[in-house]
Amino acid sequence: MTDLWLLPEDTAGVFVERMGEDRLLGEQERVRMERMLMPRRRRQFLAGRLLCRRALSARTGHPVDGWEFPVNEFGRPEPSPGWYGVRFNLSHTDGLVVCVVTDGAACGVDVEGPLSQESAAHVSRFFSPSERSELAALPTAERARRTTELWALKEAYLKGLGIGGRRDFDGFSFAPRGAARITVHDPQHLRDSGPGWWFELLRTASGHTLALAVEGSRADAVRLVDLTDPTSLDEHFAVSGV
C-alpha cells in the first residue's frame, strides 16, 4: 500500500501548531531551516518535516518524536529506526506540501504549481528530443500543462532513484500523453524502466500537478490522506492516536 498525504498551505499553520511547532526537529533540520532566508520557505520546510513524521507514525504506530533522518550521499533522508521497512519522500511548492510513504519500495513525489507559457518554454529546453517533439505537436494552450506534467514526473523519478537533481533531464524520457500507461525510458537504469517503476499523475482542485514514482509493479491503489480543511484536520488528530 502506498500512502499519499496532502497538506495545503492554508491549513499547514494549524497542522504545525498541533504537532508542537519545531520541537520535533533534529539539530541538522534546525540548521537547514534557519539558513533559509524566506519565511515562507522556512514554514514549508517545517510543515514538510512534521508531515513526514505524522505520515510515518500513522503507518507504523511509532511515536512522532521517535524519528531521525540520516541522509545518503546525495542528501536524501531515510527514516530511522529502519526496522519498519518504510520509505518516504517529500515535496512542496507554494500552496501545497505532499508526502508519500511506502512499505519499503523506493519512491519519489513532486508537486508543481501551474507554469506560464514563458516558463514552460524555458523548462522544456531541458527535456529529451522525443518529449520536445511531443510538446511541439500540442496546441499552445496545452503545452504548459504537459510541460508541468513532464517536469513533475522527471523530478519524482529522480527522487525515487535517490539522486535528486544530479542528472540532466534530457537523458531519459517518458511515454507521450495518451499512452496505455506512464513509462520511462532510461538507458542508465534499464532495470528500472518500464515495469520496474509505476507512476501516477494527479491534478488537485487547487491546480497543482502532482507526480508519484514508486519502484516495482503496482499492486495496490494509492491511499490518499487529504488534510484540506481545519475540520478534517481536527478529526484526523482526534482519531489517529499518533
Protein backbone atom coordinates (compact mmCIF):
# COMPACT_ATOMS: atom_id res chain seq x y z
CA MET A 1 0.00 0.00 0.00
CA THR A 2 1.20 3.49 -0.87
CA ASP A 3 0.05 6.43 1.26
CA LEU A 4 -0.08 9.90 -0.22
CA TRP A 5 -0.57 12.82 2.17
CA LEU A 6 -1.65 16.29 1.03
CA LEU A 7 -1.26 19.32 3.29
CA PRO A 8 -2.44 22.60 1.76
CA GLU A 9 -0.59 25.69 2.89
CA ASP A 10 -3.86 27.18 4.16
CA THR A 11 -4.12 24.51 6.86
CA ALA A 12 -0.39 24.00 7.43
CA GLY A 13 -0.33 26.54 10.25
CA VAL A 14 -2.94 24.59 12.23
CA PHE A 15 -1.11 21.34 11.49
CA VAL A 16 2.27 22.72 12.62
CA GLU A 17 0.71 24.05 15.81
CA ARG A 18 -0.90 20.69 16.58
CA MET A 19 2.47 19.00 16.03
CA GLY A 20 4.22 21.30 18.51
CA GLU A 21 5.83 23.76 16.12
CA ASP A 22 9.58 22.97 15.73
CA ARG A 23 10.09 20.91 18.89
CA LEU A 24 10.41 17.64 16.91
CA LEU A 25 13.15 18.84 14.57
CA GLY A 26 16.64 17.44 14.88
CA GLU A 27 19.72 19.65 15.02
CA GLN A 28 20.57 19.30 11.33
CA GLU A 29 16.99 20.09 10.36
CA ARG A 30 17.02 23.21 12.51
CA VAL A 31 20.27 24.40 10.97
CA ARG A 32 18.94 23.83 7.48
CA MET A 33 15.71 25.68 8.21
CA GLU A 34 17.50 28.62 9.81
CA ARG A 35 19.64 29.05 6.69
CA MET A 36 16.54 29.66 4.58
CA LEU A 37 16.16 33.38 4.00
CA MET A 38 12.48 33.48 3.08
CA PRO A 39 9.97 32.94 5.94
CA ARG A 40 7.58 31.15 3.57
CA ARG A 41 10.25 28.61 2.65
CA ARG A 42 11.00 28.02 6.32
CA ARG A 43 7.30 27.42 7.00
CA GLN A 44 7.07 25.00 4.08
CA PHE A 45 10.16 23.14 5.23
CA LEU A 46 8.84 22.84 8.79
CA ALA A 47 5.44 21.66 7.59
CA GLY A 48 7.09 19.02 5.41
CA ARG A 49 9.34 17.71 8.15
CA LEU A 50 6.39 17.40 10.52
CA LEU A 51 4.13 15.90 7.86
CA CYS A 52 6.55 13.06 7.15
CA ARG A 53 6.73 12.24 10.86
CA ARG A 54 2.95 12.19 11.06
CA ALA A 55 2.65 10.02 7.95
CA LEU A 56 5.33 7.56 9.07
CA SER A 57 3.80 7.26 12.55
CA ALA A 58 0.30 6.78 11.16
CA ARG A 59 1.67 3.93 9.04
CA THR A 60 3.76 2.23 11.75
CA GLY A 61 2.45 3.32 15.16
CA HIS A 62 5.93 4.59 16.10
CA PRO A 63 5.84 7.83 18.17
CA VAL A 64 6.14 11.02 16.14
CA ASP A 65 9.00 12.16 18.37
CA GLY A 66 10.94 8.94 17.78
CA TRP A 67 12.11 9.51 14.20
CA GLU A 68 15.52 10.55 12.95
CA PHE A 69 16.53 11.11 9.34
CA PRO A 70 20.12 10.29 8.35
CA VAL A 71 20.88 11.23 4.75
CA ASN A 72 22.57 9.28 1.97
CA GLU A 73 25.46 10.50 -0.17
CA PHE A 74 23.06 12.51 -2.32
CA GLY A 75 21.36 14.16 0.65
CA ARG A 76 18.23 12.01 0.62
CA PRO A 77 16.86 11.39 4.15
CA GLU A 78 15.80 7.91 5.24
CA PRO A 79 13.69 7.15 8.33
CA SER A 80 15.37 5.77 11.42
CA PRO A 81 14.62 3.42 13.13
CA GLY A 82 14.56 1.36 9.97
CA TRP A 83 13.11 -1.87 11.31
CA TYR A 84 9.63 -0.96 9.99
CA GLY A 85 10.97 -1.06 6.44
CA VAL A 86 9.06 2.03 5.34
CA ARG A 87 10.33 4.63 2.88
CA PHE A 88 9.10 8.16 2.24
CA ASN A 89 9.60 11.24 0.13
CA LEU A 90 8.54 14.88 0.43
CA SER A 91 7.83 17.74 -1.92
CA HIS A 92 6.43 21.23 -1.50
CA THR A 93 5.65 24.28 -3.53
CA ASP A 94 3.64 27.42 -2.90
CA GLY A 95 0.24 26.25 -1.73
CA LEU A 96 0.85 22.55 -1.06
CA VAL A 97 3.08 20.11 0.86
CA VAL A 98 2.96 16.40 -0.05
CA CYS A 99 4.44 13.21 1.40
CA VAL A 100 4.46 9.65 0.09
CA VAL A 101 5.05 6.57 2.30
CA THR A 102 5.58 3.00 1.05
CA ASP A 103 6.17 -0.40 2.65
CA GLY A 104 9.81 -0.27 1.55
CA ALA A 105 9.73 0.45 -2.16
CA ALA A 106 11.86 3.33 -3.38
CA CYS A 107 9.59 6.29 -4.01
CA GLY A 108 9.59 9.87 -5.16
CA VAL A 109 6.97 12.59 -5.27
CA ASP A 110 6.92 16.05 -6.80
CA VAL A 111 4.34 18.81 -6.81
CA GLU A 112 4.36 21.80 -9.14
CA GLY A 113 2.15 24.84 -9.49
CA PRO A 114 0.88 25.97 -12.90
CA LEU A 115 3.55 27.13 -15.34
CA SER A 116 3.16 30.17 -17.54
CA GLN A 117 3.73 29.70 -21.27
CA GLU A 118 7.05 31.54 -20.99
CA SER A 119 8.24 29.38 -18.09
CA ALA A 120 7.10 26.23 -19.88
CA ALA A 121 9.05 27.17 -23.00
CA HIS A 122 12.17 27.70 -20.90
CA VAL A 123 11.77 24.46 -18.92
CA SER A 124 11.11 22.30 -21.99
CA ARG A 125 14.56 23.12 -23.41
CA PHE A 126 15.99 20.66 -20.88
CA PHE A 127 13.78 17.74 -21.97
CA SER A 128 14.66 14.85 -24.29
CA PRO A 129 14.20 15.23 -28.09
CA SER A 130 11.13 12.95 -28.08
CA GLU A 131 9.50 14.98 -25.31
CA ARG A 132 10.22 18.25 -27.09
CA SER A 133 8.66 16.81 -30.25
CA GLU A 134 5.56 15.82 -28.31
CA LEU A 135 5.24 19.33 -26.88
CA ALA A 136 5.76 20.98 -30.27
CA ALA A 137 2.83 18.99 -31.70
CA LEU A 138 0.42 20.12 -28.97
CA PRO A 139 -1.85 23.17 -29.19
CA THR A 140 -0.25 26.15 -27.50
CA ALA A 141 -2.80 26.11 -24.69
CA GLU A 142 -1.86 22.51 -23.80
CA ARG A 143 1.91 22.85 -23.84
CA ALA A 144 2.28 24.49 -20.44
CA ARG A 145 0.15 21.83 -18.75
CA ARG A 146 2.00 18.93 -20.40
CA THR A 147 5.36 20.56 -19.64
CA THR A 148 4.36 20.72 -15.98
CA GLU A 149 3.40 17.03 -16.04
CA LEU A 150 6.73 16.00 -17.56
CA TRP A 151 8.70 18.22 -15.18
CA ALA A 152 6.92 16.70 -12.17
CA LEU A 153 7.40 13.14 -13.46
CA LYS A 154 11.11 13.69 -14.00
CA GLU A 155 11.59 15.19 -10.56
CA ALA A 156 9.64 12.37 -8.88
CA TYR A 157 11.57 9.67 -10.76
CA LEU A 158 15.00 11.08 -9.92
CA LYS A 159 13.97 11.47 -6.29
CA GLY A 160 12.80 7.86 -6.34
CA LEU A 161 16.21 6.80 -7.63
CA GLY A 162 17.66 8.67 -4.67
CA ILE A 163 19.83 11.05 -6.70
CA GLY A 164 17.63 14.13 -6.86
CA GLY A 165 18.71 16.69 -9.44
CA ARG A 166 22.13 15.15 -10.14
CA ARG A 167 21.21 14.10 -13.68
CA ASP A 168 20.24 16.04 -16.77
CA PHE A 169 16.57 15.85 -17.73
CA ASP A 170 17.32 15.05 -21.37
CA GLY A 171 18.97 11.71 -20.51
CA PHE A 172 15.65 9.87 -20.06
CA SER A 173 12.14 10.30 -21.40
CA PHE A 174 8.53 9.49 -20.59
CA ALA A 175 5.93 7.98 -22.89
CA PRO A 176 3.70 10.57 -24.60
CA ARG A 177 0.41 11.55 -23.07
CA GLY A 178 -2.27 9.11 -24.21
CA ALA A 179 -0.08 6.02 -23.91
CA ALA A 180 -1.63 2.99 -22.21
CA ARG A 181 0.36 3.76 -19.06
CA ILE A 182 3.09 6.10 -17.94
CA THR A 183 6.51 4.57 -18.58
CA VAL A 184 10.05 5.88 -18.54
CA HIS A 185 12.86 5.06 -20.94
CA ASP A 186 16.15 5.47 -19.11
CA PRO A 187 19.29 3.98 -20.73
CA GLN A 188 21.23 4.38 -17.49
CA HIS A 189 18.74 2.33 -15.48
CA LEU A 190 17.39 -0.28 -17.84
CA ARG A 191 16.19 -2.47 -14.98
CA ASP A 192 14.21 0.48 -13.60
CA SER A 193 12.41 1.34 -16.83
CA GLY A 194 9.04 0.09 -17.97
CA PRO A 195 7.51 -2.31 -15.41
CA GLY A 196 10.30 -1.61 -12.92
CA TRP A 197 8.53 1.62 -11.86
CA TRP A 198 4.96 2.76 -11.78
CA PHE A 199 3.83 6.35 -11.99
CA GLU A 200 0.76 8.43 -11.18
CA LEU A 201 -0.19 11.92 -12.26
CA LEU A 202 -2.75 13.82 -10.20
CA ARG A 203 -4.20 17.28 -10.56
CA THR A 204 -5.55 18.83 -7.38
CA ALA A 205 -8.53 21.14 -7.00
CA SER A 206 -6.05 23.94 -6.31
CA GLY A 207 -4.49 23.47 -9.77
CA HIS A 208 -1.30 21.76 -8.63
CA THR A 209 0.19 18.91 -10.64
CA LEU A 210 1.47 16.00 -8.56
CA ALA A 211 3.63 13.14 -9.84
CA LEU A 212 4.29 9.92 -7.97
CA ALA A 213 7.03 7.37 -8.78
CA VAL A 214 7.24 4.02 -6.96
CA GLU A 215 9.62 1.16 -7.71
CA GLY A 216 8.13 -2.21 -8.60
CA SER A 217 4.90 -3.43 -10.18
CA ARG A 218 1.80 -1.72 -8.95
CA ALA A 219 -0.26 -3.98 -6.70
CA ASP A 220 -2.44 -1.65 -4.61
CA ALA A 221 -4.27 1.59 -5.02
CA VAL A 222 -2.88 4.81 -3.57
CA ARG A 223 -4.42 5.68 -0.22
CA LEU A 224 -4.99 9.43 -0.11
CA VAL A 225 -4.90 11.38 3.16
CA ASP A 226 -6.15 14.86 2.35
CA LEU A 227 -5.76 17.43 5.13
CA THR A 228 -7.54 20.11 3.16
CA ASP A 229 -9.63 21.88 5.79
CA PRO A 230 -9.21 22.51 9.52
CA THR A 231 -12.30 20.41 10.32
CA SER A 232 -10.87 17.28 8.70
CA LEU A 233 -7.55 18.05 10.36
CA ASP A 234 -9.21 18.18 13.77
CA GLU A 235 -10.97 14.88 13.11
CA HIS A 236 -7.71 13.25 11.98
CA PHE A 237 -5.86 14.26 15.11
CA ALA A 238 -8.77 13.12 17.27
CA VAL A 239 -8.91 9.58 15.87
CA SER A 240 -5.36 8.84 14.75
CA GLY A 241 -3.86 8.42 18.20
CA VAL A 242 -0.28 9.02 16.97
